[in-house]
Protein backbone atom coordinates (compact mmCIF):
# COMPACT_ATOMS: atom_id res chain seq x y z
CA UNK A 1 47.32 72.27 208.50
CA UNK A 2 50.72 71.00 209.63
CA UNK A 3 53.26 73.62 210.62
CA UNK A 4 55.96 74.07 207.96
CA UNK A 5 58.32 76.46 209.77
CA UNK A 6 58.75 77.96 213.18
CA UNK A 7 61.22 80.41 214.69
CA UNK A 8 62.92 78.99 217.79
CA UNK A 9 65.27 81.79 218.92
CA UNK A 10 66.10 85.37 217.90
CA UNK A 11 69.26 87.38 218.47
CA UNK A 12 68.54 90.55 220.46
CA UNK A 13 71.05 92.72 218.56
CA UNK A 14 70.36 91.62 214.97
CA UNK A 15 67.71 89.95 212.80
CA UNK A 16 69.50 86.59 213.11
CA UNK A 17 67.26 83.73 214.17
CA UNK A 18 67.11 79.96 214.49
CA UNK A 19 64.19 77.89 213.35
CA UNK A 20 62.88 74.52 212.19
CA UNK A 21 61.65 73.69 208.68
CA UNK A 22 59.28 70.71 208.74
CA UNK A 23 59.30 68.45 205.67
CA UNK A 24 57.90 64.98 204.82
CA UNK A 25 61.42 63.56 205.17
CA UNK A 26 62.43 65.22 208.41
CA UNK A 27 63.27 68.57 209.94
CA UNK A 28 65.89 71.13 208.99
CA UNK A 29 67.43 73.31 211.69
CA UNK A 30 68.09 76.85 210.47
CA UNK A 31 70.21 78.72 209.61
CA UNK A 32 70.98 75.82 207.28
CA UNK A 33 73.38 75.09 204.44
CA UNK A 34 72.37 72.75 201.61
CA UNK A 35 75.27 70.92 199.91
CA UNK A 36 74.73 70.94 196.15
CA UNK A 37 73.97 67.50 194.70
CA UNK A 38 72.77 68.50 191.23
CA UNK A 39 72.75 64.96 189.85
CA UNK A 40 71.50 63.42 193.09
CA UNK A 41 74.95 63.15 194.64
CA UNK A 42 77.50 65.46 196.22
CA UNK A 43 80.58 64.95 194.03
CA UNK A 44 83.22 62.86 195.76
CA UNK A 45 81.11 61.67 198.73
CA UNK A 46 78.79 58.82 199.57
CA UNK A 47 75.51 59.64 201.32
CA UNK A 48 76.84 57.98 204.46
CA UNK A 49 79.85 60.30 204.51
CA UNK A 50 77.57 63.26 203.92
CA UNK A 51 75.28 62.32 206.81
CA UNK A 52 78.27 61.78 209.10
CA UNK A 53 79.36 65.34 208.30
CA UNK A 54 76.00 66.56 209.57
CA UNK A 55 74.26 67.45 206.30
CA UNK A 56 70.56 67.96 206.95
CA UNK A 57 69.49 67.95 203.30
CA UNK A 58 70.78 68.09 199.75
CA UNK A 59 69.89 70.26 196.76
CA UNK A 60 69.17 68.51 193.45
CA UNK A 61 68.72 70.14 190.07
CA UNK A 62 65.45 69.51 188.23
CA UNK A 63 66.97 70.50 184.88
CA UNK A 64 69.78 67.92 185.07
CA UNK A 65 67.57 65.11 186.37
CA UNK A 66 64.91 65.91 183.75
CA UNK A 67 67.51 65.42 181.01
CA UNK A 68 69.30 62.45 182.60
CA UNK A 69 68.19 59.88 183.62
CA UNK A 70 64.74 61.32 182.86
CA UNK A 71 61.55 61.56 184.89
CA UNK A 72 60.19 58.18 183.89
CA UNK A 73 63.24 56.36 185.25
CA UNK A 74 63.05 58.23 188.54
CA UNK A 75 59.26 57.86 188.82
CA UNK A 76 59.42 54.09 188.24
CA UNK A 77 61.72 53.82 191.23
CA UNK A 78 59.36 55.82 193.45
CA UNK A 79 60.78 59.33 193.16
CA UNK A 80 64.04 61.08 193.90
CA UNK A 81 64.38 59.82 197.49
CA UNK A 82 64.22 56.07 196.67
CA UNK A 83 66.14 56.65 193.42
CA UNK A 84 69.06 58.28 195.24
CA UNK A 85 68.62 56.35 198.53
CA UNK A 86 68.78 59.68 200.38
CA UNK A 87 66.07 59.54 203.05
CA UNK A 88 66.44 63.06 204.41
CA UNK A 89 64.98 66.33 203.01
CA UNK A 90 65.66 67.34 199.40
CA UNK A 91 65.25 70.78 197.84
CA UNK A 92 64.88 70.77 194.06
CA UNK A 93 66.00 73.84 192.15
CA UNK A 94 63.96 74.72 189.08
CA UNK A 95 67.02 74.63 186.85
CA UNK A 96 66.37 78.19 185.70
CA UNK A 97 69.94 79.25 186.32
CA UNK A 98 71.33 76.28 184.38
CA UNK A 99 68.99 76.91 181.47
CA UNK A 100 70.51 80.36 181.08
CA UNK A 101 74.11 79.55 181.93
CA UNK A 102 74.48 76.32 179.94
CA UNK A 103 72.64 77.29 176.78
CA UNK A 104 73.54 80.43 174.81
CA UNK A 105 70.50 80.01 172.59
CA UNK A 106 67.67 80.73 174.99
CA UNK A 107 64.36 82.29 174.06
CA UNK A 108 62.37 83.59 177.00
CA UNK A 109 58.69 83.97 176.25
CA UNK A 110 55.68 84.78 178.36
CA UNK A 111 54.57 81.17 178.10
CA UNK A 112 57.93 79.71 179.14
CA UNK A 113 61.54 79.11 178.09
CA UNK A 114 62.81 77.57 174.88
CA UNK A 115 66.37 76.30 174.99
CA UNK A 116 68.76 73.73 173.59
CA UNK A 117 69.89 70.83 175.73
CA UNK A 118 73.55 71.25 176.67
CA UNK A 119 73.94 67.50 176.10
CA UNK A 120 72.87 67.05 172.50
CA UNK A 121 71.27 70.29 171.34
CA UNK A 122 67.71 68.93 171.50
CA UNK A 123 65.15 71.75 171.51
CA UNK A 124 63.16 71.86 174.74
CA UNK A 125 60.33 74.14 175.84
CA UNK A 126 59.45 74.34 179.52
CA UNK A 127 56.61 76.30 181.08
CA UNK A 128 56.34 77.22 184.77
CA UNK A 129 53.65 74.51 184.99
CA UNK A 130 56.05 71.94 183.50
CA UNK A 131 58.68 72.81 186.12
CA UNK A 132 56.19 72.21 188.94
CA UNK A 133 55.04 68.92 187.37
CA UNK A 134 58.68 67.80 187.06
CA UNK A 135 59.28 68.43 190.75
CA UNK A 136 56.04 66.68 191.72
CA UNK A 137 57.28 63.60 189.86
CA UNK A 138 60.65 63.90 191.60
CA UNK A 139 58.85 64.09 194.94
CA UNK A 140 61.30 66.51 196.53
CA UNK A 141 60.40 68.27 199.79
CA UNK A 142 60.89 71.89 198.71
CA UNK A 143 60.13 73.10 195.17
CA UNK A 144 61.51 76.22 193.50
CA UNK A 145 59.48 77.78 190.66
CA UNK A 146 60.78 78.90 187.29
CA UNK A 147 61.95 82.53 187.48
CA UNK A 148 63.49 84.97 185.02
CA UNK A 149 67.15 85.29 185.88
CA UNK A 150 69.28 88.10 184.43
CA UNK A 151 73.04 88.68 184.68
CA UNK A 152 74.63 91.62 186.47
CA UNK A 153 74.69 94.33 185.33
CA UNK A 154 71.35 94.60 183.53
CA UNK A 155 69.45 97.78 182.81
CA UNK A 156 66.55 98.78 185.02
CA UNK A 157 64.15 98.41 182.08
CA UNK A 158 65.32 94.85 181.38
CA UNK A 159 65.14 94.03 185.07
CA UNK A 160 61.62 95.42 185.29
CA UNK A 161 60.57 93.02 182.52
CA UNK A 162 62.24 90.17 184.40
CA UNK A 163 60.38 91.02 187.60
CA UNK A 164 57.05 91.18 185.78
CA UNK A 165 57.67 87.83 184.12
CA UNK A 166 58.90 86.26 187.37
CA UNK A 167 55.68 87.34 189.13
CA UNK A 168 53.56 86.06 186.23
CA UNK A 169 55.34 82.70 186.31
CA UNK A 170 55.12 82.60 190.12
CA UNK A 171 51.33 82.86 189.99
CA UNK A 172 51.11 80.12 187.37
CA UNK A 173 53.49 77.96 189.39
CA UNK A 174 51.37 78.36 192.51
CA UNK A 175 48.17 77.58 190.57
CA UNK A 176 49.76 74.42 189.18
CA UNK A 177 51.14 73.43 192.58
CA UNK A 178 47.65 73.63 194.08
CA UNK A 179 46.36 71.16 191.48
CA UNK A 180 48.52 68.47 193.04
CA UNK A 181 47.97 66.79 196.37
CA UNK A 182 51.49 67.03 197.72
CA UNK A 183 52.92 67.60 201.21
CA UNK A 184 55.89 69.40 199.65
CA UNK A 185 56.55 73.12 200.06
CA UNK A 186 56.72 75.73 197.28
CA UNK A 187 59.02 78.71 197.84
CA UNK A 188 58.81 81.87 195.74
CA UNK A 189 61.84 83.61 194.21
CA UNK A 190 62.07 87.41 194.11
CA UNK A 191 64.15 89.22 191.50
CA UNK A 192 65.15 92.82 190.82
CA UNK A 193 68.94 92.81 191.20
CA UNK A 194 70.03 95.83 193.29
CA UNK A 195 67.15 98.08 192.13
CA UNK A 196 65.29 98.44 195.41
CA UNK A 197 62.05 99.64 193.83
CA UNK A 198 61.95 96.49 191.67
CA UNK A 199 63.05 94.11 194.42
CA UNK A 200 60.35 95.55 196.71
CA UNK A 201 57.75 95.17 194.00
CA UNK A 202 58.80 91.58 193.38
CA UNK A 203 58.55 90.70 197.08
CA UNK A 204 55.15 92.34 197.42
CA UNK A 205 53.79 90.50 194.38
CA UNK A 206 55.04 87.17 195.73
CA UNK A 207 53.47 87.91 199.11
CA UNK A 208 50.12 88.47 197.39
CA UNK A 209 50.38 85.04 195.78
CA UNK A 210 51.54 83.39 199.00
CA UNK A 211 54.39 80.86 199.34
CA UNK A 212 55.79 78.59 202.03
CA UNK A 213 59.16 80.37 201.89
CA UNK A 214 60.79 83.29 200.09
CA UNK A 215 64.06 83.20 198.17
CA UNK A 216 66.33 85.95 196.86
CA UNK A 217 67.45 85.23 193.31
CA UNK A 218 69.86 87.08 191.05
CA UNK A 219 72.24 88.16 193.81
CA UNK A 220 75.86 87.28 194.51
CA UNK A 221 76.75 87.47 190.82
CA UNK A 222 79.09 90.47 190.75
CA UNK A 223 77.11 93.32 192.28
CA UNK A 224 78.80 95.31 195.10
CA UNK A 225 78.44 93.39 198.36
CA UNK A 226 77.37 96.53 200.20
CA UNK A 227 74.39 96.88 197.85
CA UNK A 228 73.50 93.20 198.18
CA UNK A 229 73.44 93.52 201.98
CA UNK A 230 71.40 96.71 201.72
CA UNK A 231 68.78 94.84 199.68
CA UNK A 232 68.59 92.12 202.35
CA UNK A 233 68.35 94.65 205.15
CA UNK A 234 65.56 96.62 203.46
CA UNK A 235 63.70 93.42 202.57
CA UNK A 236 63.68 91.93 206.07
CA UNK A 237 60.75 94.00 207.44
CA UNK A 238 58.64 93.12 204.37
CA UNK A 239 58.97 89.36 204.78
CA UNK A 240 56.67 87.41 207.10
CA UNK A 241 58.44 86.28 210.27
CA UNK A 242 56.75 82.88 210.09
CA UNK A 243 58.28 81.96 206.68
CA UNK A 244 61.89 80.91 205.92
CA UNK A 245 64.15 83.15 203.80
CA UNK A 246 66.63 81.71 201.31
CA UNK A 247 69.62 83.48 199.73
CA UNK A 248 70.33 81.42 196.64
CA UNK A 249 73.89 80.53 195.64
CA UNK A 250 75.66 82.49 198.39
CA UNK A 251 78.81 80.71 199.58
CA UNK A 252 81.53 82.91 201.05
CA UNK A 253 81.56 82.59 204.84
CA UNK A 254 81.82 86.33 205.48
CA UNK A 255 78.80 86.97 203.22
CA UNK A 256 76.84 84.18 204.92
CA UNK A 257 77.55 85.67 208.34
CA UNK A 258 76.38 89.10 207.17
CA UNK A 259 73.26 87.62 205.57
CA UNK A 260 72.33 85.64 208.70
CA UNK A 261 72.52 88.94 210.58
CA UNK A 262 69.96 90.30 208.09
CA UNK A 263 67.52 87.46 208.86
CA UNK A 264 68.41 84.90 206.16
CA UNK A 265 67.70 81.29 207.17
CA UNK A 266 68.86 79.15 204.28
CA UNK A 267 71.85 78.93 201.90
CA UNK A 268 73.32 76.74 199.19
CA UNK A 269 76.49 76.93 197.12
CA UNK A 270 78.96 74.78 195.18
CA UNK A 271 81.86 76.76 196.67
CA UNK A 272 83.06 74.29 199.35
CA UNK A 273 82.80 71.20 197.14
CA UNK A 274 84.05 72.67 193.87
CA UNK A 275 86.98 74.35 195.59
CA UNK A 276 87.83 71.10 197.36
CA UNK A 277 88.14 69.28 194.04
CA UNK A 278 90.32 72.12 192.74
CA UNK A 279 92.63 71.90 195.75
CA UNK A 280 91.49 75.02 197.62
CA UNK A 281 90.81 74.32 201.27
CA UNK A 282 88.91 76.52 203.75
CA UNK A 283 90.25 76.61 207.31
CA UNK A 284 89.73 78.60 210.49
CA UNK A 285 92.84 80.59 209.56
CA UNK A 286 92.08 81.26 205.92
CA UNK A 287 92.45 79.44 202.61
CA UNK A 288 95.08 76.81 201.74
CA UNK A 289 95.98 76.03 198.13
CA UNK A 290 97.22 72.51 198.70
CA UNK A 291 99.22 72.21 195.46
CA UNK A 292 101.72 74.83 196.67
CA UNK A 293 105.28 73.52 197.10
CA UNK A 294 105.49 74.85 200.66
CA UNK A 295 103.20 72.02 201.83
CA UNK A 296 105.38 69.24 200.40
CA UNK A 297 106.96 68.46 203.79
CA UNK A 298 104.24 69.91 206.02
CA UNK A 299 103.30 67.38 208.72
CA UNK A 300 100.38 69.42 210.07
CA UNK A 301 96.73 68.71 209.31
CA UNK A 302 94.82 71.13 207.11
CA UNK A 303 93.35 72.77 210.20
CA UNK A 304 94.70 71.98 213.65
CA UNK A 305 91.35 72.95 215.20
CA UNK A 306 89.25 70.73 212.91
CA UNK A 307 87.73 67.40 214.00
CA UNK A 308 86.93 66.07 210.54
CA UNK A 309 88.20 62.68 209.35
CA UNK A 310 90.70 64.29 206.98
CA UNK A 311 92.29 66.52 209.61
CA UNK A 312 92.37 63.76 212.22
CA UNK A 313 94.28 61.38 209.94
CA UNK A 314 96.28 63.06 207.18
CA UNK A 315 99.05 65.62 206.76
CA UNK A 316 99.16 68.51 204.35
CA UNK A 317 102.15 66.82 202.70
CA UNK A 318 100.13 63.67 201.96
CA UNK A 319 97.10 65.63 200.75
CA UNK A 320 99.36 67.64 198.44
CA UNK A 321 100.81 64.38 197.10
CA UNK A 322 97.31 63.04 196.36
CA UNK A 323 96.32 66.25 194.59
CA UNK A 324 99.52 66.35 192.50
CA UNK A 325 99.02 62.71 191.48
CA UNK A 326 95.35 63.42 190.61
CA UNK A 327 94.18 60.63 192.90
CA UNK A 328 90.40 60.31 193.39
CA UNK A 329 90.97 60.26 197.16
CA UNK A 330 92.25 63.83 196.92
CA UNK A 331 88.79 65.09 195.96
CA UNK A 332 87.16 62.86 198.60
CA UNK A 333 89.35 63.95 201.51
CA UNK A 334 89.35 67.63 200.54
CA UNK A 335 85.56 67.60 200.15
CA UNK A 336 85.11 65.94 203.55
CA UNK A 337 87.09 68.73 205.15
CA UNK A 338 85.52 71.65 203.29
CA UNK A 339 81.96 70.49 203.91
CA UNK A 340 82.69 69.71 207.55
CA UNK A 341 84.14 73.21 207.91
CA UNK A 342 81.00 74.81 206.43
CA UNK A 343 78.50 72.66 208.32
CA UNK A 344 80.41 73.18 211.57
CA UNK A 345 80.22 76.96 211.14
CA UNK A 346 76.45 76.64 210.70
CA UNK A 347 76.28 74.58 213.91
CA UNK A 348 78.18 77.35 215.68
CA UNK A 349 75.91 80.00 214.15
CA UNK A 350 72.80 78.25 215.51
CA UNK A 351 74.39 77.85 218.94
CA UNK A 352 75.48 81.50 219.04
CA UNK A 353 72.01 82.78 218.16
CA UNK A 354 70.46 80.55 220.82
CA UNK A 355 72.88 81.91 223.43
CA UNK A 356 72.43 85.50 222.19
CA UNK A 357 76.10 85.83 221.26
CA UNK A 358 75.91 86.00 217.47
CA UNK A 359 77.86 89.26 217.13
CA UNK A 360 80.75 87.77 219.08
CA UNK A 361 80.88 84.68 216.87
CA UNK A 362 80.57 86.64 213.64
CA UNK A 363 83.44 88.97 214.40
CA UNK A 364 85.69 86.22 215.75
CA UNK A 365 85.32 84.19 212.53
CA UNK A 366 85.83 87.20 210.27
CA UNK A 367 88.84 88.40 212.28
CA UNK A 368 90.55 85.02 212.10
CA UNK A 369 89.93 84.74 208.36
CA UNK A 370 91.50 88.16 207.83
CA UNK A 371 94.61 87.57 209.97
């Protein structure tokens, strides 16, 4: 059996580590950040721009691609890689979060989820088996199973039901996955919110089933950050060292740094790209809201320490002008910077772990952000 993940270096003071995820379309160095490309594209960027920024993979959304353009269209063109012309690794989310967030009329049953399409109201019923079959047709490199996602706060009783259903669906997803001859990986998603007894149970039940990686779902949605980090810290000893760990939807740099320290290997979030389009820029010295009048005559780049194309060529004054005029290039240039900023921090994280200086890097980044 081909190796799917290996740890390369570990920090002596924390649980931070570097590693390699092996996929049919190439390797992913961890800790890694997956730019969100729900529709098969990162909004505002071409694939060439994305690769030049150092993106190792993208995250597509099974739910959106299932609805449009549809599986048959993608299958006829050979799967999601040929369809999108992205030849590097792709992780496909199950779409579970979108099912719940986009449709108010959702019926969760033991068999699966019944919901209305957010496009035209069409009634759709998806089982955990359907979600696996969809991702097989897409041909992505890492699959995520259907899980039962609940908002925060939810009662312990409701969360217990969600954990039970998530484990039930996880087993069915794994059984369906094994029916296919695919080199892709299947990662399990644990639930339980901040109830440690439920989170522990969820992890243990997923470990019994056995997955190629383990993801934390239902976190980063309003619960106290201290409790989120406590869950990660308590979970770390339970998780196999030889499998990658994924904190879903976590995007604030400070939270990422804390989570890496707790042994998390993999992240995704719309934060850098969505904020870029809305004119909020992340820099080594904190956030910039580019529409502010104070930047109208500012000749400086967004970040004087940044090597991205945007910072090497354009002033804050010009970028403010583009944003105020609602020019398409505003979203492009802002997204280039924000994604470069994120991916560069991940490069620095990997280097710091390898040189056993992670603590130093973590506190230097946090300190500068807070100044």
